[in-house]
N, C-alpha and C. Protein backbone atom coordinates (compact mmCIF):
# COMPACT_ATOMS: atom_id res chain seq x y z
N MET A 1 -9.70 14.77 -1.69
CA MET A 1 -9.76 13.41 -2.19
C MET A 1 -9.07 12.48 -1.18
N ASN A 2 -9.66 11.33 -0.92
CA ASN A 2 -9.09 10.35 0.01
C ASN A 2 -7.82 9.73 -0.57
N LYS A 3 -6.88 9.43 0.33
CA LYS A 3 -5.63 8.79 -0.08
C LYS A 3 -5.73 7.29 0.10
N LEU A 4 -5.20 6.56 -0.87
CA LEU A 4 -5.17 5.10 -0.85
C LEU A 4 -3.74 4.65 -1.06
N LEU A 5 -3.23 3.82 -0.16
CA LEU A 5 -1.89 3.26 -0.30
C LEU A 5 -2.03 1.83 -0.80
N ILE A 6 -1.37 1.54 -1.92
CA ILE A 6 -1.35 0.19 -2.48
C ILE A 6 0.02 -0.39 -2.24
N VAL A 7 0.06 -1.56 -1.58
CA VAL A 7 1.33 -2.22 -1.27
C VAL A 7 1.28 -3.61 -1.89
N ASP A 8 2.08 -3.81 -2.94
CA ASP A 8 2.12 -5.09 -3.63
C ASP A 8 3.47 -5.22 -4.31
N ASP A 9 4.10 -6.38 -4.21
CA ASP A 9 5.42 -6.55 -4.81
C ASP A 9 5.35 -6.77 -6.32
N GLU A 10 4.16 -6.92 -6.88
CA GLU A 10 4.01 -7.09 -8.33
C GLU A 10 3.63 -5.76 -8.98
N ASP A 11 4.51 -5.28 -9.84
CA ASP A 11 4.27 -4.00 -10.53
C ASP A 11 2.96 -4.00 -11.30
N ALA A 12 2.66 -5.10 -11.98
CA ALA A 12 1.46 -5.18 -12.81
C ALA A 12 0.19 -5.01 -11.97
N MET A 13 0.17 -5.58 -10.78
CA MET A 13 -1.00 -5.47 -9.91
C MET A 13 -1.16 -4.03 -9.43
N ARG A 14 -0.06 -3.40 -9.04
CA ARG A 14 -0.14 -2.00 -8.61
C ARG A 14 -0.63 -1.11 -9.74
N ARG A 15 -0.13 -1.35 -10.94
CA ARG A 15 -0.55 -0.57 -12.11
C ARG A 15 -2.04 -0.76 -12.39
N LEU A 16 -2.52 -1.99 -12.33
CA LEU A 16 -3.94 -2.29 -12.57
C LEU A 16 -4.83 -1.60 -11.55
N LEU A 17 -4.46 -1.68 -10.29
CA LEU A 17 -5.24 -1.03 -9.24
C LEU A 17 -5.22 0.49 -9.39
N ARG A 18 -4.06 1.03 -9.72
CA ARG A 18 -3.94 2.48 -9.92
C ARG A 18 -4.87 2.94 -11.05
N ILE A 19 -4.86 2.23 -12.16
CA ILE A 19 -5.70 2.58 -13.31
C ILE A 19 -7.18 2.57 -12.92
N ASN A 20 -7.58 1.56 -12.17
CA ASN A 20 -9.00 1.41 -11.83
C ASN A 20 -9.47 2.30 -10.69
N LEU A 21 -8.57 2.79 -9.87
CA LEU A 21 -8.98 3.54 -8.68
C LEU A 21 -8.55 5.02 -8.68
N ALA A 22 -7.76 5.43 -9.64
CA ALA A 22 -7.21 6.78 -9.65
C ALA A 22 -8.27 7.87 -9.77
N ASP A 23 -9.42 7.55 -10.33
CA ASP A 23 -10.46 8.58 -10.46
C ASP A 23 -11.18 8.84 -9.14
N ARG A 24 -11.02 7.94 -8.16
CA ARG A 24 -11.69 8.10 -6.87
C ARG A 24 -10.76 8.38 -5.70
N TYR A 25 -9.47 8.09 -5.88
CA TYR A 25 -8.51 8.22 -4.79
C TYR A 25 -7.22 8.86 -5.27
N GLU A 26 -6.54 9.51 -4.35
CA GLU A 26 -5.15 9.90 -4.58
C GLU A 26 -4.34 8.65 -4.26
N ILE A 27 -3.67 8.10 -5.24
CA ILE A 27 -2.99 6.82 -5.08
C ILE A 27 -1.53 7.01 -4.69
N LEU A 28 -1.12 6.29 -3.66
CA LEU A 28 0.27 6.15 -3.26
C LEU A 28 0.57 4.67 -3.41
N ASP A 29 1.73 4.30 -3.94
CA ASP A 29 1.99 2.87 -4.05
C ASP A 29 3.47 2.55 -3.91
N THR A 30 3.72 1.31 -3.52
CA THR A 30 5.08 0.81 -3.37
C THR A 30 5.05 -0.71 -3.43
N GLY A 31 6.19 -1.28 -3.77
CA GLY A 31 6.34 -2.72 -3.77
C GLY A 31 7.21 -3.20 -2.62
N ASN A 32 7.54 -2.30 -1.72
CA ASN A 32 8.46 -2.58 -0.63
C ASN A 32 7.77 -2.34 0.71
N SER A 33 7.79 -3.34 1.58
CA SER A 33 7.11 -3.23 2.87
C SER A 33 7.68 -2.14 3.76
N ASP A 34 9.01 -2.01 3.77
CA ASP A 34 9.63 -0.97 4.60
C ASP A 34 9.24 0.42 4.11
N GLN A 35 9.22 0.58 2.80
CA GLN A 35 8.80 1.85 2.22
C GLN A 35 7.34 2.12 2.53
N ALA A 36 6.52 1.07 2.51
CA ALA A 36 5.09 1.22 2.78
C ALA A 36 4.86 1.78 4.18
N LEU A 37 5.62 1.31 5.13
CA LEU A 37 5.50 1.80 6.49
C LEU A 37 5.84 3.29 6.56
N ALA A 38 6.91 3.68 5.91
CA ALA A 38 7.31 5.08 5.90
C ALA A 38 6.26 5.95 5.19
N ILE A 39 5.74 5.47 4.07
CA ILE A 39 4.72 6.23 3.33
C ILE A 39 3.46 6.37 4.18
N ALA A 40 3.06 5.30 4.83
CA ALA A 40 1.85 5.34 5.67
C ALA A 40 2.01 6.32 6.83
N MET A 41 3.16 6.31 7.46
CA MET A 41 3.38 7.21 8.59
C MET A 41 3.43 8.67 8.14
N GLN A 42 4.01 8.93 6.99
CA GLN A 42 4.16 10.29 6.50
C GLN A 42 2.87 10.85 5.89
N ASN A 43 2.13 10.02 5.14
CA ASN A 43 0.98 10.51 4.37
C ASN A 43 -0.38 10.21 4.98
N LYS A 44 -0.44 9.35 5.98
CA LYS A 44 -1.70 9.01 6.67
C LYS A 44 -2.84 8.69 5.68
N PRO A 45 -2.69 7.61 4.89
CA PRO A 45 -3.74 7.28 3.92
C PRO A 45 -5.04 6.90 4.62
N ASN A 46 -6.16 7.10 3.93
CA ASN A 46 -7.46 6.73 4.47
C ASN A 46 -7.69 5.22 4.44
N ALA A 47 -7.03 4.55 3.48
CA ALA A 47 -7.16 3.10 3.34
C ALA A 47 -5.86 2.54 2.75
N ILE A 48 -5.64 1.25 3.01
CA ILE A 48 -4.46 0.57 2.49
C ILE A 48 -4.90 -0.75 1.87
N LEU A 49 -4.51 -0.97 0.61
CA LEU A 49 -4.68 -2.28 -0.03
C LEU A 49 -3.34 -2.97 0.09
N LEU A 50 -3.33 -4.11 0.76
CA LEU A 50 -2.08 -4.73 1.17
C LEU A 50 -1.99 -6.17 0.68
N ASP A 51 -0.93 -6.48 -0.06
CA ASP A 51 -0.63 -7.84 -0.48
C ASP A 51 -0.12 -8.57 0.77
N LEU A 52 -0.74 -9.67 1.10
CA LEU A 52 -0.36 -10.38 2.32
C LEU A 52 0.87 -11.25 2.14
N ARG A 53 1.17 -11.63 0.91
CA ARG A 53 2.34 -12.48 0.65
C ARG A 53 3.39 -11.68 -0.10
N MET A 54 4.32 -11.14 0.67
CA MET A 54 5.42 -10.39 0.09
C MET A 54 6.73 -10.90 0.69
N PRO A 55 7.82 -10.74 -0.05
CA PRO A 55 9.11 -11.19 0.48
C PRO A 55 9.58 -10.29 1.64
N ASN A 56 10.39 -10.84 2.49
CA ASN A 56 11.04 -10.15 3.62
C ASN A 56 10.09 -9.80 4.76
N TYR A 57 9.06 -9.06 4.52
CA TYR A 57 8.18 -8.55 5.56
C TYR A 57 6.76 -8.76 5.06
N SER A 58 6.06 -9.76 5.58
CA SER A 58 4.75 -10.11 5.03
C SER A 58 3.71 -9.03 5.29
N GLY A 59 2.65 -9.07 4.53
CA GLY A 59 1.55 -8.14 4.71
C GLY A 59 0.92 -8.27 6.09
N PHE A 60 0.91 -9.49 6.62
CA PHE A 60 0.37 -9.69 7.97
C PHE A 60 1.21 -8.91 8.99
N GLU A 61 2.54 -9.02 8.86
CA GLU A 61 3.44 -8.30 9.78
C GLU A 61 3.30 -6.79 9.63
N LEU A 62 3.20 -6.35 8.40
CA LEU A 62 3.03 -4.92 8.15
C LEU A 62 1.72 -4.42 8.74
N CYS A 63 0.67 -5.17 8.59
CA CYS A 63 -0.63 -4.80 9.14
C CYS A 63 -0.55 -4.68 10.66
N ARG A 64 0.07 -5.65 11.30
CA ARG A 64 0.23 -5.59 12.77
C ARG A 64 1.03 -4.36 13.20
N THR A 65 2.08 -4.07 12.46
CA THR A 65 2.91 -2.90 12.78
C THR A 65 2.13 -1.62 12.62
N LEU A 66 1.36 -1.51 11.56
CA LEU A 66 0.56 -0.31 11.33
C LEU A 66 -0.52 -0.12 12.39
N LYS A 67 -1.09 -1.22 12.88
CA LYS A 67 -2.14 -1.13 13.89
C LYS A 67 -1.59 -0.67 15.24
N SER A 68 -0.32 -0.99 15.52
CA SER A 68 0.24 -0.67 16.84
C SER A 68 0.72 0.73 17.00
């Protein structure tokens, strides 16, 4: 099963996405950008759903870091 990492600072959004996508993906999720980077490096997800507006470390910055 493909792995999907959900990164969103809102618990309700992560829960909603997990409920709707859990039958097709192994879901990994976090509300913390730093944790997201560690999870992505350790678990190598096939796809990442990323909230672009998060406190401290924006989704744009996280995306750039993951690409490099």
